[in-house]
Amino acid sequence: MSLQKKRKVIIPIALSLLFITSCKDKEEYRFDTSYNKETIRDFLSADAIYLNLFRHAYQLSFDTSILKSGEGIIDSAFIKKQGEEWLFTYKDEQACPDGSKRSGQFKIHWDAPLSDSNAQLTIFPQGLYINNKKIGGLITITRSTQFQAIFRMKVDTASISFDLPGYSEKKKIQYTGAYTYRWEKGSSTPYNIFDDVLLLTGTASGRGKEFDRFFFTTLDTLTYRFTCRYPRGGKASLQMPDLEINQIDLDYQKANECSALVVATLWGLLPNGSKTQNEKVNFTINY
């Protein structure tokens, strides 16, 4: 075949391939969302851990048996009163009812339990490990009474550190949060917390273990029932300014069921600047 004939064959084929590739790019333009998904998991894990510490403080505050005797057990932690402080201690790799394994301890200092109006307490993790992750930070909880009891939780400079195979240094999730819990149901039976329903609103921020930033905001109230360990039945926004996919919608489904399911919708921008739903992914809250 002559050079001229070869050119006549090659050029149309090349143009066809270019046209096919171009159309495919326009129809299936997608981003790599692997870092988004990892950061979502990191946020959900950190958020669950610090909400769980609130749960322990709340449960102790309304346990008249432990308050009277000065010792007892909550969720496999041995509790001992020391002056104005309460120490929660786990055996090494203690198996807990929520499926986690815990070691170490955390301390609660208060002037009064959360059953009292205007109570304030502080939680200090001390060598606390949950599923081999070291938990740090300072958590303060205050109660005020308006038309309903309000509990405000603030998490300062918290960190969750752990070793990962294949990494030369420890990885760390950074977390700061502020939640308001409104006591919606159960106030007429204060010493039976398992009929209590709290409505949550709040914000959080931090970095995942790959250092990508996140900013969390509730868009409507989340529901927290003490018959379940996870917030349910609300919507929230998760911003990730360091990534191409920077807007995540979180849907905490099944308000009346004890589910750890969160559905995340990931949004991105096409080359022409229009917003598109890039992906919808199911996540399970865990520690």
Protein backbone atom coordinates (compact mmCIF):
# COMPACT_ATOMS: atom_id res chain seq x y z
CA MET A 1 0.00 0.00 0.00
CA SER A 2 1.36 3.42 -0.95
CA LEU A 3 2.09 6.13 1.65
CA GLN A 4 -0.74 8.26 0.25
CA LYS A 5 -3.28 5.41 0.60
CA LYS A 6 -2.07 4.70 4.16
CA ARG A 7 -2.72 8.32 5.08
CA LYS A 8 -6.24 8.12 3.64
CA VAL A 9 -6.95 5.11 5.87
CA ILE A 10 -5.23 6.31 9.07
CA ILE A 11 -6.65 9.85 9.19
CA PRO A 12 -10.37 8.84 9.17
CA ILE A 13 -9.70 6.18 11.82
CA ALA A 14 -7.93 8.70 14.06
CA LEU A 15 -10.74 11.22 13.66
CA SER A 16 -13.32 8.54 14.51
CA LEU A 17 -11.44 7.54 17.66
CA LEU A 18 -11.13 11.18 18.70
CA PHE A 19 -14.88 11.70 18.19
CA ILE A 20 -15.76 8.55 20.16
CA THR A 21 -13.39 9.47 23.03
CA SER A 22 -14.70 13.04 23.08
CA CYS A 23 -18.32 11.90 23.33
CA LYS A 24 -17.47 9.38 26.02
CA ASP A 25 -15.71 12.05 28.11
CA LYS A 26 -18.74 14.32 27.92
CA GLU A 27 -21.15 11.55 28.86
CA GLU A 28 -19.09 9.89 31.59
CA TYR A 29 -17.00 12.67 33.10
CA ARG A 30 -16.18 11.52 36.64
CA PHE A 31 -13.78 12.40 39.44
CA ASP A 32 -11.67 10.17 41.64
CA THR A 33 -13.61 10.09 44.93
CA SER A 34 -11.40 7.70 46.91
CA TYR A 35 -10.07 10.47 49.18
CA ASN A 36 -13.57 11.85 49.69
CA LYS A 37 -14.80 8.46 50.85
CA GLU A 38 -11.88 8.00 53.21
CA THR A 39 -12.45 11.46 54.73
CA ILE A 40 -16.18 10.74 55.15
CA ARG A 41 -15.30 7.53 57.03
CA ASP A 42 -12.82 9.42 59.20
CA PHE A 43 -15.39 12.10 60.08
CA LEU A 44 -18.16 9.60 60.87
CA SER A 45 -15.79 7.60 63.09
CA ALA A 46 -14.54 10.65 65.02
CA ASP A 47 -18.05 12.02 65.42
CA ALA A 48 -19.34 8.68 66.76
CA ILE A 49 -16.51 8.40 69.30
CA TYR A 50 -17.13 11.82 70.87
CA LEU A 51 -20.92 11.45 70.83
CA ASN A 52 -20.34 8.14 72.64
CA LEU A 53 -18.39 9.93 75.39
CA PHE A 54 -21.39 12.24 75.86
CA ARG A 55 -23.58 9.14 76.15
CA HIS A 56 -21.40 7.75 78.98
CA ALA A 57 -21.47 11.03 80.90
CA TYR A 58 -25.24 11.28 80.47
CA GLN A 59 -25.78 7.67 81.56
CA LEU A 60 -23.67 8.12 84.69
CA SER A 61 -25.53 11.34 85.55
CA PHE A 62 -28.85 9.51 85.84
CA ASP A 63 -27.67 6.22 87.39
CA THR A 64 -28.75 6.63 91.02
CA SER A 65 -27.18 3.32 92.07
CA ILE A 66 -23.68 4.31 90.92
CA LEU A 67 -24.05 7.88 92.17
CA LYS A 68 -24.97 6.59 95.62
CA SER A 69 -22.39 3.79 95.94
CA GLY A 70 -19.54 5.59 94.15
CA GLU A 71 -18.78 2.69 91.83
CA GLY A 72 -20.33 0.45 89.21
CA ILE A 73 -20.19 -0.66 85.57
CA ILE A 74 -21.44 1.08 82.41
CA ASP A 75 -20.90 -0.55 79.01
CA SER A 76 -18.09 -2.80 80.38
CA ALA A 77 -16.20 0.13 81.94
CA PHE A 78 -15.53 -0.08 85.68
CA ILE A 79 -16.44 3.26 87.30
CA LYS A 80 -14.96 4.62 90.51
CA LYS A 81 -15.56 7.96 92.23
CA GLN A 82 -12.41 9.84 93.30
CA GLY A 83 -13.28 13.12 95.03
CA GLU A 84 -15.12 15.29 92.49
CA GLU A 85 -14.05 13.04 89.62
CA TRP A 86 -15.28 9.79 88.13
CA LEU A 87 -12.85 7.38 86.50
CA PHE A 88 -13.98 5.00 83.72
CA THR A 89 -11.47 2.15 83.33
CA TYR A 90 -11.34 -0.65 80.76
CA LYS A 91 -9.35 -3.85 80.91
CA ASP A 92 -6.89 -4.31 78.04
CA GLU A 93 -8.80 -5.01 74.84
CA GLN A 94 -12.08 -5.08 76.75
CA ALA A 95 -14.94 -6.27 74.52
CA CYS A 96 -17.87 -3.82 74.80
CA PRO A 97 -21.58 -4.13 73.94
CA ASP A 98 -21.21 -1.81 70.92
CA GLY A 99 -18.75 -4.26 69.31
CA SER A 100 -15.65 -2.17 70.01
CA LYS A 101 -12.56 -3.19 71.95
CA ARG A 102 -11.33 -0.65 74.49
CA SER A 103 -8.35 -0.13 76.77
CA GLY A 104 -7.24 2.60 79.16
CA GLN A 105 -9.50 5.12 80.82
CA PHE A 106 -11.15 8.51 80.77
CA LYS A 107 -12.02 10.86 83.60
CA ILE A 108 -15.10 13.00 84.22
CA HIS A 109 -14.84 16.03 86.48
CA TRP A 110 -18.06 17.78 87.48
CA ASP A 111 -19.59 20.15 89.99
CA ALA A 112 -22.91 18.29 89.58
CA PRO A 113 -24.29 15.54 87.32
CA LEU A 114 -26.28 16.44 84.21
CA SER A 115 -29.48 15.61 86.11
CA ASP A 116 -29.00 18.96 87.89
CA SER A 117 -29.82 22.30 86.27
CA ASN A 118 -26.79 24.43 85.33
CA ALA A 119 -24.45 21.42 85.65
CA GLN A 120 -21.07 21.49 83.93
CA LEU A 121 -18.62 18.67 83.40
CA THR A 122 -15.35 17.99 81.62
CA ILE A 123 -14.16 14.71 80.09
CA PHE A 124 -10.43 13.92 79.87
CA PRO A 125 -9.31 10.80 77.94
CA GLN A 126 -6.26 9.27 79.64
CA GLY A 127 -4.56 6.60 77.56
CA LEU A 128 -7.96 5.67 76.12
CA TYR A 129 -7.90 3.32 73.12
CA ILE A 130 -10.92 2.31 71.04
CA ASN A 131 -10.22 -0.38 68.43
CA ASN A 132 -6.48 0.37 68.79
CA LYS A 133 -7.01 4.08 68.12
CA LYS A 134 -5.72 6.46 70.77
CA ILE A 135 -8.36 9.03 71.71
CA GLY A 136 -7.33 12.54 72.80
CA GLY A 137 -8.99 15.88 73.41
CA LEU A 138 -10.97 17.87 75.92
CA ILE A 139 -14.77 17.60 76.06
CA THR A 140 -16.97 20.01 78.03
CA ILE A 141 -20.71 19.59 78.54
CA THR A 142 -23.02 22.14 80.14
CA ARG A 143 -26.73 22.06 80.91
CA SER A 144 -29.11 24.99 80.86
CA THR A 145 -32.88 25.09 81.18
CA GLN A 146 -35.04 27.23 78.96
CA PHE A 147 -38.42 25.86 77.89
CA GLN A 148 -36.66 22.50 77.71
CA ALA A 149 -33.36 21.23 79.06
CA ILE A 150 -30.45 21.96 76.73
CA PHE A 151 -27.08 20.19 76.83
CA ARG A 152 -24.19 21.83 74.99
CA MET A 153 -21.13 19.76 74.13
CA LYS A 154 -17.85 21.23 72.95
CA VAL A 155 -14.92 19.12 71.75
CA ASP A 156 -11.58 20.94 71.68
CA THR A 157 -8.39 19.95 69.82
CA ALA A 158 -9.36 16.30 69.72
CA SER A 159 -7.28 13.71 67.90
CA ILE A 160 -7.59 10.04 67.03
CA SER A 161 -4.19 8.47 66.40
CA PHE A 162 -3.41 5.02 65.01
CA ASP A 163 -0.76 3.04 63.16
CA LEU A 164 -1.47 1.79 59.65
CA PRO A 165 0.43 -0.95 57.79
CA GLY A 166 2.64 0.48 55.07
CA TYR A 167 2.99 3.94 56.64
CA SER A 168 6.24 5.07 58.21
CA GLU A 169 4.55 7.40 60.69
CA LYS A 170 1.38 7.48 62.73
CA LYS A 171 -1.77 8.76 61.09
CA LYS A 172 -4.13 11.07 62.93
CA ILE A 173 -7.69 12.33 62.56
CA GLN A 174 -8.18 15.84 63.93
CA TYR A 175 -11.61 16.86 65.18
CA THR A 176 -13.30 19.86 66.79
CA GLY A 177 -17.05 19.93 67.37
CA ALA A 178 -19.91 21.81 68.99
CA TYR A 179 -23.33 20.20 69.47
CA THR A 180 -26.55 21.27 71.14
CA TYR A 181 -28.79 18.48 72.50
CA ARG A 182 -32.41 19.44 73.17
CA TRP A 183 -34.19 17.11 75.60
CA GLU A 184 -37.29 16.36 73.54
CA LYS A 185 -38.78 13.31 75.32
CA GLY A 186 -38.26 11.48 78.60
CA SER A 187 -37.84 14.42 80.96
CA SER A 188 -40.82 13.24 83.02
CA THR A 189 -38.93 9.99 83.79
CA PRO A 190 -35.38 11.34 84.26
CA TYR A 191 -33.95 8.19 85.82
CA ASN A 192 -34.99 5.99 82.91
CA ILE A 193 -32.76 7.22 80.10
CA PHE A 194 -33.92 4.59 77.62
CA ASP A 195 -37.11 6.51 76.86
CA ASP A 196 -35.12 9.71 76.32
CA VAL A 197 -35.00 11.38 72.92
CA LEU A 198 -32.54 14.20 72.25
CA LEU A 199 -32.56 16.37 69.13
CA LEU A 200 -29.11 17.39 67.90
CA THR A 201 -27.85 20.36 65.91
CA GLY A 202 -24.24 21.39 65.52
CA THR A 203 -21.04 21.83 63.60
CA ALA A 204 -17.68 20.08 63.40
CA SER A 205 -14.42 20.50 61.55
CA GLY A 206 -11.05 18.84 61.25
CA ARG A 207 -8.82 16.78 59.00
CA GLY A 208 -8.90 13.16 57.92
CA LYS A 209 -5.86 10.93 58.24
CA GLU A 210 -4.72 12.00 54.75
CA PHE A 211 -4.84 15.65 55.98
CA ASP A 212 -7.89 16.60 53.89
CA ARG A 213 -10.10 19.14 55.66
CA PHE A 214 -13.79 18.67 56.43
CA PHE A 215 -16.48 21.07 57.68
CA PHE A 216 -19.72 19.57 58.95
CA THR A 217 -23.05 21.33 59.57
CA THR A 218 -26.44 19.87 60.45
CA LEU A 219 -29.13 21.08 58.05
CA ASP A 220 -31.99 19.85 60.21
CA THR A 221 -32.09 18.10 63.56
CA LEU A 222 -30.61 14.66 64.08
CA THR A 223 -32.42 12.34 66.51
CA TYR A 224 -30.51 10.61 69.31
CA ARG A 225 -32.35 7.88 71.23
CA PHE A 226 -30.69 5.99 74.06
CA THR A 227 -32.06 2.74 72.71
CA CYS A 228 -29.63 3.31 69.82
CA ARG A 229 -26.01 4.47 69.73
CA TYR A 230 -26.16 6.47 66.50
CA PRO A 231 -27.82 9.75 65.47
CA ARG A 232 -30.68 9.15 63.03
CA GLY A 233 -33.27 10.87 60.91
CA GLY A 234 -31.68 14.12 59.80
CA LYS A 235 -29.61 15.74 57.07
CA ALA A 236 -26.23 17.45 57.13
CA SER A 237 -23.63 19.00 54.86
CA LEU A 238 -19.96 18.03 54.69
CA GLN A 239 -17.61 20.44 52.87
CA MET A 240 -14.18 19.30 51.64
CA PRO A 241 -12.38 22.36 50.24
CA ASP A 242 -9.13 20.54 49.43
CA LEU A 243 -10.74 18.10 46.99
CA GLU A 244 -12.37 18.39 43.55
CA ILE A 245 -15.57 16.91 44.97
CA ASN A 246 -16.13 19.47 47.71
CA GLN A 247 -19.83 19.21 48.56
CA ILE A 248 -21.25 16.14 50.31
CA ASP A 249 -24.87 15.75 51.42
CA LEU A 250 -25.34 13.34 54.36
CA ASP A 251 -28.68 11.67 55.00
CA TYR A 252 -29.03 9.88 58.35
CA GLN A 253 -31.86 7.61 57.36
CA LYS A 254 -34.38 5.49 59.28
CA ALA A 255 -35.20 7.85 62.17
CA ASN A 256 -37.27 5.24 64.00
CA GLU A 257 -34.83 2.35 63.56
CA CYS A 258 -31.48 1.66 65.20
CA SER A 259 -29.40 1.84 62.06
CA ALA A 260 -25.82 3.01 61.52
CA LEU A 261 -26.54 3.79 57.86
CA VAL A 262 -25.64 7.18 56.37
CA VAL A 263 -26.20 7.86 52.66
CA ALA A 264 -23.72 10.33 51.18
CA THR A 265 -24.35 12.15 47.90
CA LEU A 266 -21.14 13.51 46.35
CA TRP A 267 -21.41 16.56 44.10
CA GLY A 268 -18.87 17.80 41.56
CA LEU A 269 -18.51 20.39 38.81
CA LEU A 270 -18.32 19.51 35.12
CA PRO A 271 -15.72 21.28 32.92
CA ASN A 272 -18.44 23.71 31.80
CA GLY A 273 -19.03 24.72 35.44
CA SER A 274 -22.39 23.03 35.94
CA LYS A 275 -23.06 21.02 39.11
CA THR A 276 -23.58 17.30 38.77
CA GLN A 277 -24.32 14.43 41.13
CA ASN A 278 -21.13 12.44 40.90
CA GLU A 279 -21.93 9.50 43.14
CA LYS A 280 -24.20 8.21 45.91
CA VAL A 281 -22.57 5.94 48.52
CA ASN A 282 -23.77 4.10 51.65
CA PHE A 283 -21.62 4.35 54.77
CA THR A 284 -21.86 2.57 58.11
CA ILE A 285 -20.99 4.55 61.25
CA ASN A 286 -18.39 2.72 63.31
CA TYR A 287 -15.55 3.42 65.69
